[in-house]
Amino acid sequence: MAGPVHEDRLPMRTHIAPSIIHGHGLFASEGIAAGEVVNRTPIVITGERVPRAFVRHVYRLPDGRHALPRGDGIMVNHSDRPNALVEIDVRERTVSLIALRRIRRGEEITIDYAGSDPQE
């Protein structure tokens, strides 16, 4: 059963909860198959300097600008063995997390911070 729907009609498949990795994190509210969109979050794109408090939550774009998530996607934590990857759509101004493998309900969603930089 799908949960509430975002503006772009993507069902809410995640929620924020305390994390054993760091502070709070993003967790699967339902089972998610490999290749499916886990979460899609609007982003703000800027060429301006990013405040220090947000530096760890920003994706650098190939043209030097920064993309800052505005929704729950900002809460995703790092793992050396991530279960999701990042896809940024500059035209739509969204960042999507895509499942790399099956993700169980209640499992924390993680990405590899080093591998999430579109410049690398």
PDB file of N, CA and C in Angstrom:
ATOM      1  N   MET A   1       0.851  -1.182   0.000  1.00  0.00           N
ATOM      2  CA  MET A   1       0.000   0.000   0.000  1.00  0.00           C
ATOM      3  C   MET A   1       0.889   1.235   0.000  1.00  0.00           C
ATOM      4  N   ALA A   2       0.722   2.082  -0.977  1.00  0.00           N
ATOM      5  CA  ALA A   2       1.548   3.280  -1.116  1.00  0.00           C
ATOM      6  C   ALA A   2       1.123   4.336  -0.105  1.00  0.00           C
ATOM      7  N   GLY A   3       2.112   5.124   0.330  1.00  0.00           N
ATOM      8  CA  GLY A   3       1.859   6.184   1.295  1.00  0.00           C
ATOM      9  C   GLY A   3       1.496   7.485   0.619  1.00  0.00           C
ATOM     10  N   PRO A   4       1.638   8.610   1.334  1.00  0.00           N
ATOM     11  CA  PRO A   4       1.350   9.920   0.761  1.00  0.00           C
ATOM     12  C   PRO A   4       2.186  10.149  -0.499  1.00  0.00           C
ATOM     13  N   VAL A   5       1.724  11.063  -1.325  1.00  0.00           N
ATOM     14  CA  VAL A   5       2.370  11.303  -2.616  1.00  0.00           C
ATOM     15  C   VAL A   5       3.007  12.689  -2.632  1.00  0.00           C
ATOM     16  N   HIS A   6       4.251  12.766  -3.166  1.00  0.00           N
ATOM     17  CA  HIS A   6       4.927  14.053  -3.369  1.00  0.00           C
ATOM     18  C   HIS A   6       4.305  14.778  -4.553  1.00  0.00           C
ATOM     19  N   GLU A   7       4.742  16.023  -4.787  1.00  0.00           N
ATOM     20  CA  GLU A   7       4.277  16.818  -5.917  1.00  0.00           C
ATOM     21  C   GLU A   7       4.421  16.078  -7.241  1.00  0.00           C
ATOM     22  N   ASP A   8       5.516  15.323  -7.410  1.00  0.00           N
ATOM     23  CA  ASP A   8       5.775  14.655  -8.685  1.00  0.00           C
ATOM     24  C   ASP A   8       5.108  13.285  -8.761  1.00  0.00           C
ATOM     25  N   ARG A   9       4.186  13.001  -7.839  1.00  0.00           N
ATOM     26  CA  ARG A   9       3.385  11.787  -7.826  1.00  0.00           C
ATOM     27  C   ARG A   9       4.171  10.539  -7.435  1.00  0.00           C
ATOM     28  N   LEU A  10       5.346  10.682  -6.867  1.00  0.00           N
ATOM     29  CA  LEU A  10       6.117   9.542  -6.389  1.00  0.00           C
ATOM     30  C   LEU A  10       5.656   9.210  -4.970  1.00  0.00           C
ATOM     31  N   PRO A  11       5.202   7.973  -4.719  1.00  0.00           N
ATOM     32  CA  PRO A  11       4.756   7.629  -3.363  1.00  0.00           C
ATOM     33  C   PRO A  11       5.892   7.796  -2.354  1.00  0.00           C
ATOM     34  N   MET A  12       5.537   8.192  -1.143  1.00  0.00           N
ATOM     35  CA  MET A  12       6.513   8.287  -0.061  1.00  0.00           C
ATOM     36  C   MET A  12       6.931   6.873   0.311  1.00  0.00           C
ATOM     37  N   ARG A  13       8.214   6.558   0.112  1.00  0.00           N
ATOM     38  CA  ARG A  13       8.725   5.220   0.391  1.00  0.00           C
ATOM     39  C   ARG A  13       9.729   5.235   1.524  1.00  0.00           C
ATOM     40  N   THR A  14       9.959   6.417   2.088  1.00  0.00           N
ATOM     41  CA  THR A  14      10.986   6.575   3.111  1.00  0.00           C
ATOM     42  C   THR A  14      10.476   7.431   4.261  1.00  0.00           C
ATOM     43  N   HIS A  15      11.209   7.349   5.372  1.00  0.00           N
ATOM     44  CA  HIS A  15      10.931   8.197   6.528  1.00  0.00           C
ATOM     45  C   HIS A  15      12.252   8.462   7.254  1.00  0.00           C
ATOM     46  N   ILE A  16      12.254   9.478   8.095  1.00  0.00           N
ATOM     47  CA  ILE A  16      13.441   9.840   8.871  1.00  0.00           C
ATOM     48  C   ILE A  16      13.316   9.225  10.265  1.00  0.00           C
ATOM     49  N   ALA A  17      14.451   8.678  10.744  1.00  0.00           N
ATOM     50  CA  ALA A  17      14.477   8.064  12.076  1.00  0.00           C
ATOM     51  C   ALA A  17      15.909   8.140  12.615  1.00  0.00           C
ATOM     52  N   PRO A  18      16.092   7.917  13.921  1.00  0.00           N
ATOM     53  CA  PRO A  18      17.443   7.887  14.481  1.00  0.00           C
ATOM     54  C   PRO A  18      18.288   6.818  13.777  1.00  0.00           C
ATOM     55  N   SER A  19      19.572   7.157  13.564  1.00  0.00           N
ATOM     56  CA  SER A  19      20.489   6.279  12.837  1.00  0.00           C
ATOM     57  C   SER A  19      21.648   5.851  13.733  1.00  0.00           C
ATOM     58  N   ILE A  20      22.082   4.612  13.581  1.00  0.00           N
ATOM     59  CA  ILE A  20      23.285   4.172  14.293  1.00  0.00           C
ATOM     60  C   ILE A  20      24.539   4.653  13.563  1.00  0.00           C
ATOM     61  N   ILE A  21      24.377   5.134  12.332  1.00  0.00           N
ATOM     62  CA  ILE A  21      25.521   5.646  11.563  1.00  0.00           C
ATOM     63  C   ILE A  21      25.884   7.052  12.022  1.00  0.00           C
ATOM     64  N   HIS A  22      24.856   7.950  12.055  1.00  0.00           N
ATOM     65  CA  HIS A  22      25.103   9.339  12.435  1.00  0.00           C
ATOM     66  C   HIS A  22      23.773  10.054  12.626  1.00  0.00           C
ATOM     67  N   GLY A  23      23.512  10.530  13.812  1.00  0.00           N
ATOM     68  CA  GLY A  23      22.325  11.357  14.065  1.00  0.00           C
ATOM     69  C   GLY A  23      21.033  10.702  13.606  1.00  0.00           C
ATOM     70  N   HIS A  24      20.468  11.258  12.554  1.00  0.00           N
ATOM     71  CA  HIS A  24      19.259  10.726  11.944  1.00  0.00           C
ATOM     72  C   HIS A  24      19.582  10.297  10.520  1.00  0.00           C
ATOM     73  N   GLY A  25      18.745   9.436   9.982  1.00  0.00           N
ATOM     74  CA  GLY A  25      18.958   8.966   8.626  1.00  0.00           C
ATOM     75  C   GLY A  25      17.645   8.743   7.914  1.00  0.00           C
ATOM     76  N   LEU A  26      17.749   8.317   6.663  1.00  0.00           N
ATOM     77  CA  LEU A  26      16.599   8.034   5.818  1.00  0.00           C
ATOM     78  C   LEU A  26      16.400   6.522   5.782  1.00  0.00           C
ATOM     79  N   PHE A  27      15.177   6.056   6.036  1.00  0.00           N
ATOM     80  CA  PHE A  27      14.883   4.633   6.139  1.00  0.00           C
ATOM     81  C   PHE A  27      13.752   4.247   5.194  1.00  0.00           C
ATOM     82  N   ALA A  28      13.796   3.003   4.721  1.00  0.00           N
ATOM     83  CA  ALA A  28      12.751   2.488   3.842  1.00  0.00           C
ATOM     84  C   ALA A  28      11.480   2.214   4.642  1.00  0.00           C
ATOM     85  N   SER A  29      10.356   2.740   4.180  1.00  0.00           N
ATOM     86  CA  SER A  29       9.058   2.496   4.812  1.00  0.00           C
ATOM     87  C   SER A  29       8.397   1.240   4.261  1.00  0.00           C
ATOM     88  N   GLU A  30       8.984   0.702   3.192  1.00  0.00           N
ATOM     89  CA  GLU A  30       8.481  -0.513   2.547  1.00  0.00           C
ATOM     90  C   GLU A  30       9.650  -1.181   1.838  1.00  0.00           C
ATOM     91  N   GLY A  31       9.477  -2.413   1.415  1.00  0.00           N
ATOM     92  CA  GLY A  31      10.510  -3.070   0.633  1.00  0.00           C
ATOM     93  C   GLY A  31      10.652  -2.388  -0.720  1.00  0.00           C
ATOM     94  N   ILE A  32      11.892  -2.251  -1.196  1.00  0.00           N
ATOM     95  CA  ILE A  32      12.159  -1.563  -2.463  1.00  0.00           C
ATOM     96  C   ILE A  32      13.075  -2.450  -3.296  1.00  0.00           C
ATOM     97  N   ALA A  33      12.690  -2.709  -4.531  1.00  0.00           N
ATOM     98  CA  ALA A  33      13.460  -3.581  -5.420  1.00  0.00           C
ATOM     99  C   ALA A  33      14.652  -2.840  -6.022  1.00  0.00           C
ATOM    100  N   ALA A  34      15.687  -3.587  -6.376  1.00  0.00           N
ATOM    101  CA  ALA A  34      16.861  -3.015  -7.045  1.00  0.00           C
ATOM    102  C   ALA A  34      16.416  -2.269  -8.302  1.00  0.00           C
ATOM    103  N   GLY A  35      16.990  -1.085  -8.518  1.00  0.00           N
ATOM    104  CA  GLY A  35      16.680  -0.281  -9.693  1.00  0.00           C
ATOM    105  C   GLY A  35      15.521   0.675  -9.524  1.00  0.00           C
ATOM    106  N   GLU A  36      14.758   0.533  -8.452  1.00  0.00           N
ATOM    107  CA  GLU A  36      13.620   1.419  -8.225  1.00  0.00           C
ATOM    108  C   GLU A  36      14.060   2.726  -7.574  1.00  0.00           C
ATOM    109  N   VAL A  37      13.256   3.773  -7.781  1.00  0.00           N
ATOM    110  CA  VAL A  37      13.493   5.055  -7.112  1.00  0.00           C
ATOM    111  C   VAL A  37      13.102   4.896  -5.649  1.00  0.00           C
ATOM    112  N   VAL A  38      14.051   5.182  -4.782  1.00  0.00           N
ATOM    113  CA  VAL A  38      13.833   5.097  -3.334  1.00  0.00           C
ATOM    114  C   VAL A  38      13.225   6.398  -2.834  1.00  0.00           C
ATOM    115  N   ASN A  39      13.770   7.517  -3.307  1.00  0.00           N
ATOM    116  CA  ASN A  39      13.379   8.841  -2.850  1.00  0.00           C
ATOM    117  C   ASN A  39      13.730   9.839  -3.937  1.00  0.00           C
ATOM    118  N   ARG A  40      12.867  10.821  -4.143  1.00  0.00           N
ATOM    119  CA  ARG A  40      13.168  11.922  -5.065  1.00  0.00           C
ATOM    120  C   ARG A  40      12.933  13.210  -4.300  1.00  0.00           C
ATOM    121  N   THR A  41      13.940  14.071  -4.292  1.00  0.00           N
ATOM    122  CA  THR A  41      13.913  15.291  -3.502  1.00  0.00           C
ATOM    123  C   THR A  41      14.200  16.495  -4.397  1.00  0.00           C
ATOM    124  N   PRO A  42      13.445  17.578  -4.261  1.00  0.00           N
ATOM    125  CA  PRO A  42      13.776  18.800  -4.998  1.00  0.00           C
ATOM    126  C   PRO A  42      15.135  19.334  -4.534  1.00  0.00           C
ATOM    127  N   ILE A  43      15.831  20.021  -5.414  1.00  0.00           N
ATOM    128  CA  ILE A  43      17.120  20.618  -5.067  1.00  0.00           C
ATOM    129  C   ILE A  43      17.133  22.102  -5.402  1.00  0.00           C
ATOM    130  N   VAL A  44      17.953  22.822  -4.672  1.00  0.00           N
ATOM    131  CA  VAL A  44      18.269  24.217  -4.983  1.00  0.00           C
ATOM    132  C   VAL A  44      19.647  24.176  -5.626  1.00  0.00           C
ATOM    133  N   ILE A  45      19.787  24.807  -6.784  1.00  0.00           N
ATOM    134  CA  ILE A  45      21.081  24.861  -7.465  1.00  0.00           C
ATOM    135  C   ILE A  45      21.628  26.269  -7.331  1.00  0.00           C
ATOM    136  N   THR A  46      22.884  26.367  -6.901  1.00  0.00           N
ATOM    137  CA  THR A  46      23.496  27.674  -6.707  1.00  0.00           C
ATOM    138  C   THR A  46      24.976  27.648  -7.083  1.00  0.00           C
ATOM    139  N   GLY A  47      25.448  28.782  -7.515  1.00  0.00           N
ATOM    140  CA  GLY A  47      26.871  28.961  -7.773  1.00  0.00           C
ATOM    141  C   GLY A  47      27.545  29.690  -6.629  1.00  0.00           C
ATOM    142  N   GLU A  48      26.747  30.048  -5.634  1.00  0.00           N
ATOM    143  CA  GLU A  48      27.251  30.787  -4.480  1.00  0.00           C
ATOM    144  C   GLU A  48      27.940  29.855  -3.489  1.00  0.00           C
ATOM    145  N   ARG A  49      28.731  30.440  -2.627  1.00  0.00           N
ATOM    146  CA  ARG A  49      29.382  29.675  -1.559  1.00  0.00           C
ATOM    147  C   ARG A  49      28.312  29.061  -0.653  1.00  0.00           C
ATOM    148  N   VAL A  50      28.519  27.826  -0.287  1.00  0.00           N
ATOM    149  CA  VAL A  50      27.553  27.104   0.540  1.00  0.00           C
ATOM    150  C   VAL A  50      27.915  27.296   2.015  1.00  0.00           C
ATOM    151  N   PRO A  51      26.938  27.641   2.862  1.00  0.00           N
ATOM    152  CA  PRO A  51      27.222  27.792   4.296  1.00  0.00           C
ATOM    153  C   PRO A  51      27.828  26.513   4.870  1.00  0.00           C
ATOM    154  N   ARG A  52      28.754  26.677   5.771  1.00  0.00           N
ATOM    155  CA  ARG A  52      29.487  25.553   6.372  1.00  0.00           C
ATOM    156  C   ARG A  52      28.562  24.450   6.908  1.00  0.00           C
ATOM    157  N   ALA A  53      27.443  24.838   7.502  1.00  0.00           N
ATOM    158  CA  ALA A  53      26.518  23.863   8.078  1.00  0.00           C
ATOM    159  C   ALA A  53      25.927  22.924   7.031  1.00  0.00           C
ATOM    160  N   PHE A  54      25.947  23.314   5.753  1.00  0.00           N
ATOM    161  CA  PHE A  54      25.333  22.515   4.694  1.00  0.00           C
ATOM    162  C   PHE A  54      26.331  21.801   3.800  1.00  0.00           C
ATOM    163  N   VAL A  55      27.617  22.047   3.985  1.00  0.00           N
ATOM    164  CA  VAL A  55      28.642  21.506   3.079  1.00  0.00           C
ATOM    165  C   VAL A  55      28.552  19.992   2.922  1.00  0.00           C
ATOM    166  N   ARG A  56      28.284  19.271   3.994  1.00  0.00           N
ATOM    167  CA  ARG A  56      28.218  17.801   3.917  1.00  0.00           C
ATOM    168  C   ARG A  56      26.979  17.296   3.201  1.00  0.00           C
ATOM    169  N   HIS A  57      26.021  18.179   2.920  1.00  0.00           N
ATOM    170  CA  HIS A  57      24.759  17.774   2.302  1.00  0.00           C
ATOM    171  C   HIS A  57      24.636  18.231   0.849  1.00  0.00           C
ATOM    172  N   VAL A  58      25.705  18.759   0.289  1.00  0.00           N
ATOM    173  CA  VAL A  58      25.668  19.345  -1.048  1.00  0.00           C
ATOM    174  C   VAL A  58      26.330  18.429  -2.070  1.00  0.00           C
ATOM    175  N   TYR A  59      25.736  18.369  -3.257  1.00  0.00           N
ATOM    176  CA  TYR A  59      26.341  17.658  -4.380  1.00  0.00           C
ATOM    177  C   TYR A  59      26.985  18.692  -5.291  1.00  0.00           C
ATOM    178  N   ARG A  60      28.233  18.467  -5.669  1.00  0.00           N
ATOM    179  CA  ARG A  60      28.899  19.367  -6.612  1.00  0.00           C
ATOM    180  C   ARG A  60      28.543  18.939  -8.030  1.00  0.00           C
ATOM    181  N   LEU A  61      28.158  19.895  -8.850  1.00  0.00           N
ATOM    182  CA  LEU A  61      27.820  19.619 -10.242  1.00  0.00           C
ATOM    183  C   LEU A  61      29.059  19.820 -11.118  1.00  0.00           C
ATOM    184  N   PRO A  62      29.109  19.177 -12.282  1.00  0.00           N
ATOM    185  CA  PRO A  62      30.283  19.290 -13.161  1.00  0.00           C
ATOM    186  C   PRO A  62      30.641  20.724 -13.548  1.00  0.00           C
ATOM    187  N   ASP A  63      29.641  21.630 -13.573  1.00  0.00           N
ATOM    188  CA  ASP A  63      29.914  23.018 -13.968  1.00  0.00           C
ATOM    189  C   ASP A  63      30.361  23.897 -12.796  1.00  0.00           C
ATOM    190  N   GLY A  64      30.567  23.286 -11.612  1.00  0.00           N
ATOM    191  CA  GLY A  64      31.048  24.043 -10.457  1.00  0.00           C
ATOM    192  C   GLY A  64      29.955  24.516  -9.522  1.00  0.00           C
ATOM    193  N   ARG A  65      28.702  24.427  -9.958  1.00  0.00           N
ATOM    194  CA  ARG A  65      27.608  24.824  -9.077  1.00  0.00           C
ATOM    195  C   ARG A  65      27.365  23.732  -8.033  1.00  0.00           C
ATOM    196  N   HIS A  66      26.503  24.036  -7.078  1.00  0.00           N
ATOM    197  CA  HIS A  66      26.157  23.100  -6.013  1.00  0.00           C
ATOM    198  C   HIS A  66      24.662  22.810  -6.053  1.00  0.00           C
ATOM    199  N   ALA A  67      24.294  21.583  -5.709  1.00  0.00           N
ATOM    200  CA  ALA A  67      22.896  21.179  -5.611  1.00  0.00           C
ATOM    201  C   ALA A  67      22.628  20.778  -4.166  1.00  0.00           C
ATOM    202  N   LEU A  68      21.700  21.472  -3.527  1.00  0.00           N
ATOM    203  CA  LEU A  68      21.359  21.219  -2.135  1.00  0.00           C
ATOM    204  C   LEU A  68      19.954  20.631  -2.056  1.00  0.00           C
ATOM    205  N   PRO A  69      19.812  19.391  -1.556  1.00  0.00           N
ATOM    206  CA  PRO A  69      18.482  18.788  -1.403  1.00  0.00           C
ATOM    207  C   PRO A  69      17.613  19.608  -0.451  1.00  0.00           C
ATOM    208  N   ARG A  70      16.305  19.708  -0.769  1.00  0.00           N
ATOM    209  CA  ARG A  70      15.371  20.470   0.061  1.00  0.00           C
ATOM    210  C   ARG A  70      14.431  19.586   0.850  1.00  0.00           C
ATOM    211  N   GLY A  71      14.419  18.296   0.602  1.00  0.00           N
ATOM    212  CA  GLY A  71      13.483  17.406   1.287  1.00  0.00           C
ATOM    213  C   GLY A  71      14.193  16.369   2.135  1.00  0.00           C
ATOM    214  N   ASP A  72      13.513  15.263   2.370  1.00  0.00           N
ATOM    215  CA  ASP A  72      14.046  14.200   3.218  1.00  0.00           C
ATOM    216  C   ASP A  72      15.361  13.627   2.708  1.00  0.00           C
ATOM    217  N   GLY A  73      15.617  13.728   1.417  1.00  0.00           N
ATOM    218  CA  GLY A  73      16.853  13.195   0.841  1.00  0.00           C
ATOM    219  C   GLY A  73      18.113  13.795   1.432  1.00  0.00           C
ATOM    220  N   ILE A  74      17.994  14.925   2.103  1.00  0.00           N
ATOM    221  CA  ILE A  74      19.158  15.552   2.732  1.00  0.00           C
ATOM    222  C   ILE A  74      19.651  14.715   3.917  1.00  0.00           C
ATOM    223  N   MET A  75      18.825  13.786   4.399  1.00  0.00           N
ATOM    224  CA  MET A  75      19.158  13.009   5.593  1.00  0.00           C
ATOM    225  C   MET A  75      19.900  11.709   5.300  1.00  0.00           C
ATOM    226  N   VAL A  76      20.216  11.423   4.039  1.00  0.00           N
ATOM    227  CA  VAL A  76      20.857  10.151   3.697  1.00  0.00           C
ATOM    228  C   VAL A  76      22.308  10.147   4.202  1.00  0.00           C
ATOM    229  N   ASN A  77      22.695   9.059   4.854  1.00  0.00           N
ATOM    230  CA  ASN A  77      24.038   8.913   5.418  1.00  0.00           C
ATOM    231  C   ASN A  77      24.960   8.138   4.492  1.00  0.00           C
ATOM    232  N   HIS A  78      26.244   8.204   4.779  1.00  0.00           N
ATOM    233  CA  HIS A  78      27.293   7.536   4.005  1.00  0.00           C
ATOM    234  C   HIS A  78      27.501   6.097   4.469  1.00  0.00           C
ATOM    235  N   SER A  79      27.855   5.248   3.496  1.00  0.00           N
ATOM    236  CA  SER A  79      28.321   3.897   3.790  1.00  0.00           C
ATOM    237  C   SER A  79      29.342   3.506   2.731  1.00  0.00           C
ATOM    238  N   ASP A  80      30.357   2.738   3.144  1.00  0.00           N
ATOM    239  CA  ASP A  80      31.307   2.188   2.175  1.00  0.00           C
ATOM    240  C   ASP A  80      30.657   1.090   1.338  1.00  0.00           C
ATOM    241  N   ARG A  81      29.514   0.590   1.828  1.00  0.00           N
ATOM    242  CA  ARG A  81      28.734  -0.431   1.111  1.00  0.00           C
ATOM    243  C   ARG A  81      27.303   0.081   0.972  1.00  0.00           C
ATOM    244  N   PRO A  82      27.101   1.112   0.126  1.00  0.00           N
ATOM    245  CA  PRO A  82      25.787   1.751   0.018  1.00  0.00           C
ATOM    246  C   PRO A  82      24.741   0.836  -0.619  1.00  0.00           C
ATOM    247  N   ASN A  83      23.481   1.142  -0.338  1.00  0.00           N
ATOM    248  CA  ASN A  83      22.390   0.416  -0.969  1.00  0.00           C
ATOM    249  C   ASN A  83      21.647   1.271  -1.990  1.00  0.00           C
ATOM    250  N   ALA A  84      22.129   2.496  -2.201  1.00  0.00           N
ATOM    251  CA  ALA A  84      21.507   3.395  -3.178  1.00  0.00           C
ATOM    252  C   ALA A  84      22.572   4.243  -3.867  1.00  0.00           C
ATOM    253  N   LEU A  85      22.224   4.733  -5.054  1.00  0.00           N
ATOM    254  CA  LEU A  85      23.105   5.671  -5.761  1.00  0.00           C
ATOM    255  C   LEU A  85      22.317   6.932  -6.058  1.00  0.00           C
ATOM    256  N   VAL A  86      23.044   7.988  -6.396  1.00  0.00           N
ATOM    257  CA  VAL A  86      22.459   9.306  -6.609  1.00  0.00           C
ATOM    258  C   VAL A  86      22.342   9.598  -8.096  1.00  0.00           C
ATOM    259  N   GLU A  87      21.181  10.091  -8.517  1.00  0.00           N
ATOM    260  CA  GLU A  87      20.992  10.597  -9.883  1.00  0.00           C
ATOM    261  C   GLU A  87      20.444  12.013  -9.763  1.00  0.00           C
ATOM    262  N   ILE A  88      21.179  12.975 -10.335  1.00  0.00           N
ATOM    263  CA  ILE A  88      20.749  14.370 -10.289  1.00  0.00           C
ATOM    264  C   ILE A  88      20.197  14.761 -11.649  1.00  0.00           C
ATOM    265  N   ASP A  89      19.006  15.358 -11.658  1.00  0.00           N
ATOM    266  CA  ASP A  89      18.384  15.863 -12.872  1.00  0.00           C
ATOM    267  C   ASP A  89      18.353  17.385 -12.754  1.00  0.00           C
ATOM    268  N   VAL A  90      19.321  18.035 -13.387  1.00  0.00           N
ATOM    269  CA  VAL A  90      19.438  19.493 -13.285  1.00  0.00           C
ATOM    270  C   VAL A  90      18.227  20.176 -13.916  1.00  0.00           C
ATOM    271  N   ARG A  91      17.749  19.648 -15.025  1.00  0.00           N
ATOM    272  CA  ARG A  91      16.597  20.260 -15.714  1.00  0.00           C
ATOM    273  C   ARG A  91      15.350  20.226 -14.823  1.00  0.00           C
ATOM    274  N   GLU A  92      15.102  19.088 -14.185  1.00  0.00           N
ATOM    275  CA  GLU A  92      13.935  18.957 -13.305  1.00  0.00           C
ATOM    276  C   GLU A  92      14.205  19.472 -11.891  1.00  0.00           C
ATOM    277  N   ARG A  93      15.481  19.750 -11.607  1.00  0.00           N
ATOM    278  CA  ARG A  93      15.912  20.210 -10.279  1.00  0.00           C
ATOM    279  C   ARG A  93      15.510  19.223  -9.180  1.00  0.00           C
ATOM    280  N   THR A  94      15.920  17.957  -9.406  1.00  0.00           N
ATOM    281  CA  THR A  94      15.661  16.905  -8.417  1.00  0.00           C
ATOM    282  C   THR A  94      16.900  16.034  -8.260  1.00  0.00           C
ATOM    283  N   VAL A  95      16.992  15.416  -7.104  1.00  0.00           N
ATOM    284  CA  VAL A  95      17.987  14.369  -6.870  1.00  0.00           C
ATOM    285  C   VAL A  95      17.197  13.120  -6.494  1.00  0.00           C
ATOM    286  N   SER A  96      17.508  12.018  -7.185  1.00  0.00           N
ATOM    287  CA  SER A  96      16.844  10.751  -6.911  1.00  0.00           C
ATOM    288  C   SER A  96      17.843   9.769  -6.330  1.00  0.00           C
ATOM    289  N   LEU A  97      17.370   8.976  -5.382  1.00  0.00           N
ATOM    290  CA  LEU A  97      18.152   7.877  -4.843  1.00  0.00           C
ATOM    291  C   LEU A  97      17.591   6.611  -5.474  1.00  0.00           C
ATOM    292  N   ILE A  98      18.465   5.818  -6.106  1.00  0.00           N
ATOM    293  CA  ILE A  98      18.066   4.609  -6.810  1.00  0.00           C
ATOM    294  C   ILE A  98      18.631   3.402  -6.067  1.00  0.00           C
ATOM    295  N   ALA A  99      17.793   2.407  -5.810  1.00  0.00           N
ATOM    296  CA  ALA A  99      18.225   1.210  -5.079  1.00  0.00           C
ATOM    297  C   ALA A  99      19.240   0.416  -5.893  1.00  0.00           C
ATOM    298  N   LEU A 100      20.385   0.127  -5.292  1.00  0.00           N
ATOM    299  CA  LEU A 100      21.417  -0.698  -5.934  1.00  0.00           C
ATOM    300  C   LEU A 100      21.112  -2.185  -5.781  1.00  0.00           C
ATOM    301  N   ARG A 101      20.326  -2.511  -4.780  1.00  0.00           N
ATOM    302  CA  ARG A 101      19.932  -3.894  -4.482  1.00  0.00           C
ATOM    303  C   ARG A 101      18.600  -3.817  -3.761  1.00  0.00           C
ATOM    304  N   ARG A 102      18.023  -4.953  -3.475  1.00  0.00           N
ATOM    305  CA  ARG A 102      16.766  -4.956  -2.725  1.00  0.00           C
ATOM    306  C   ARG A 102      17.013  -4.337  -1.343  1.00  0.00           C
ATOM    307  N   ILE A 103      16.129  -3.430  -0.958  1.00  0.00           N
ATOM    308  CA  ILE A 103      16.215  -2.770   0.345  1.00  0.00           C
ATOM    309  C   ILE A 103      15.001  -3.205   1.162  1.00  0.00           C
ATOM    310  N   ARG A 104      15.257  -3.706   2.346  1.00  0.00           N
ATOM    311  CA  ARG A 104      14.187  -4.196   3.221  1.00  0.00           C
ATOM    312  C   ARG A 104      13.483  -3.044   3.947  1.00  0.00           C
ATOM    313  N   ARG A 105      12.227  -3.256   4.276  1.00  0.00           N
ATOM    314  CA  ARG A 105      11.481  -2.290   5.077  1.00  0.00           C
ATOM    315  C   ARG A 105      12.238  -2.075   6.386  1.00  0.00           C
ATOM    316  N   GLY A 106      12.424  -0.814   6.780  1.00  0.00           N
ATOM    317  CA  GLY A 106      13.120  -0.487   8.022  1.00  0.00           C
ATOM    318  C   GLY A 106      14.626  -0.339   7.872  1.00  0.00           C
ATOM    319  N   GLU A 107      15.176  -0.679   6.700  1.00  0.00           N
ATOM    320  CA  GLU A 107      16.624  -0.577   6.472  1.00  0.00           C
ATOM    321  C   GLU A 107      16.996   0.872   6.162  1.00  0.00           C
ATOM    322  N   GLU A 108      18.143   1.303   6.703  1.00  0.00           N
ATOM    323  CA  GLU A 108      18.602   2.662   6.423  1.00  0.00           C
ATOM    324  C   GLU A 108      19.096   2.764   4.981  1.00  0.00           C
ATOM    325  N   ILE A 109      18.726   3.856   4.318  1.00  0.00           N
ATOM    326  CA  ILE A 109      19.177   4.141   2.956  1.00  0.00           C
ATOM    327  C   ILE A 109      20.530   4.836   3.069  1.00  0.00           C
ATOM    328  N   THR A 110      21.520   4.340   2.342  1.00  0.00           N
ATOM    329  CA  THR A 110      22.864   4.934   2.388  1.00  0.00           C
ATOM    330  C   THR A 110      23.415   5.105   0.983  1.00  0.00           C
ATOM    331  N   ILE A 111      24.325   6.070   0.858  1.00  0.00           N
ATOM    332  CA  ILE A 111      25.050   6.297  -0.391  1.00  0.00           C
ATOM    333  C   ILE A 111      26.532   6.390  -0.060  1.00  0.00           C
ATOM    334  N   ASP A 112      27.363   6.275  -1.073  1.00  0.00           N
ATOM    335  CA  ASP A 112      28.800   6.501  -0.924  1.00  0.00           C
ATOM    336  C   ASP A 112      29.041   7.962  -1.251  1.00  0.00           C
ATOM    337  N   TYR A 113      29.370   8.766  -0.239  1.00  0.00           N
ATOM    338  CA  TYR A 113      29.563  10.195  -0.470  1.00  0.00           C
ATOM    339  C   TYR A 113      30.588  10.474  -1.557  1.00  0.00           C
ATOM    340  N   ALA A 114      31.668   9.714  -1.592  1.00  0.00           N
ATOM    341  CA  ALA A 114      32.693   9.928  -2.620  1.00  0.00           C
ATOM    342  C   ALA A 114      32.140   9.605  -3.998  1.00  0.00           C
ATOM    343  N   GLY A 115      31.333   8.568  -4.099  1.00  0.00           N
ATOM    344  CA  GLY A 115      30.760   8.159  -5.380  1.00  0.00           C
ATOM    345  C   GLY A 115      29.545   8.947  -5.789  1.00  0.00           C
ATOM    346  N   SER A 116      29.058   9.848  -4.929  1.00  0.00           N
ATOM    347  CA  SER A 116      27.858  10.604  -5.261  1.00  0.00           C
ATOM    348  C   SER A 116      28.174  11.957  -5.889  1.00  0.00           C
ATOM    349  N   ASP A 117      29.457  12.267  -6.051  1.00  0.00           N
ATOM    350  CA  ASP A 117      29.872  13.533  -6.656  1.00  0.00           C
ATOM    351  C   ASP A 117      29.914  13.357  -8.170  1.00  0.00           C
ATOM    352  N   PRO A 118      29.026  14.045  -8.921  1.00  0.00           N
ATOM    353  CA  PRO A 118      29.001  13.872 -10.363  1.00  0.00           C
ATOM    354  C   PRO A 118      30.323  14.201 -11.053  1.00  0.00           C
ATOM    355  N   GLN A 119      31.240  14.882 -10.363  1.00  0.00           N
ATOM    356  CA  GLN A 119      32.523  15.207 -10.974  1.00  0.00           C
ATOM    357  C   GLN A 119      33.451  14.005 -10.974  1.00  0.00           C
ATOM    358  N   GLU A 120      33.198  13.027 -10.109  1.00  0.00           N
ATOM    359  CA  GLU A 120      34.125  11.890  -9.967  1.00  0.00           C
ATOM    360  C   GLU A 120      33.721  10.736 -10.845  1.00  0.00           C
TER     361      GLU A 120
END
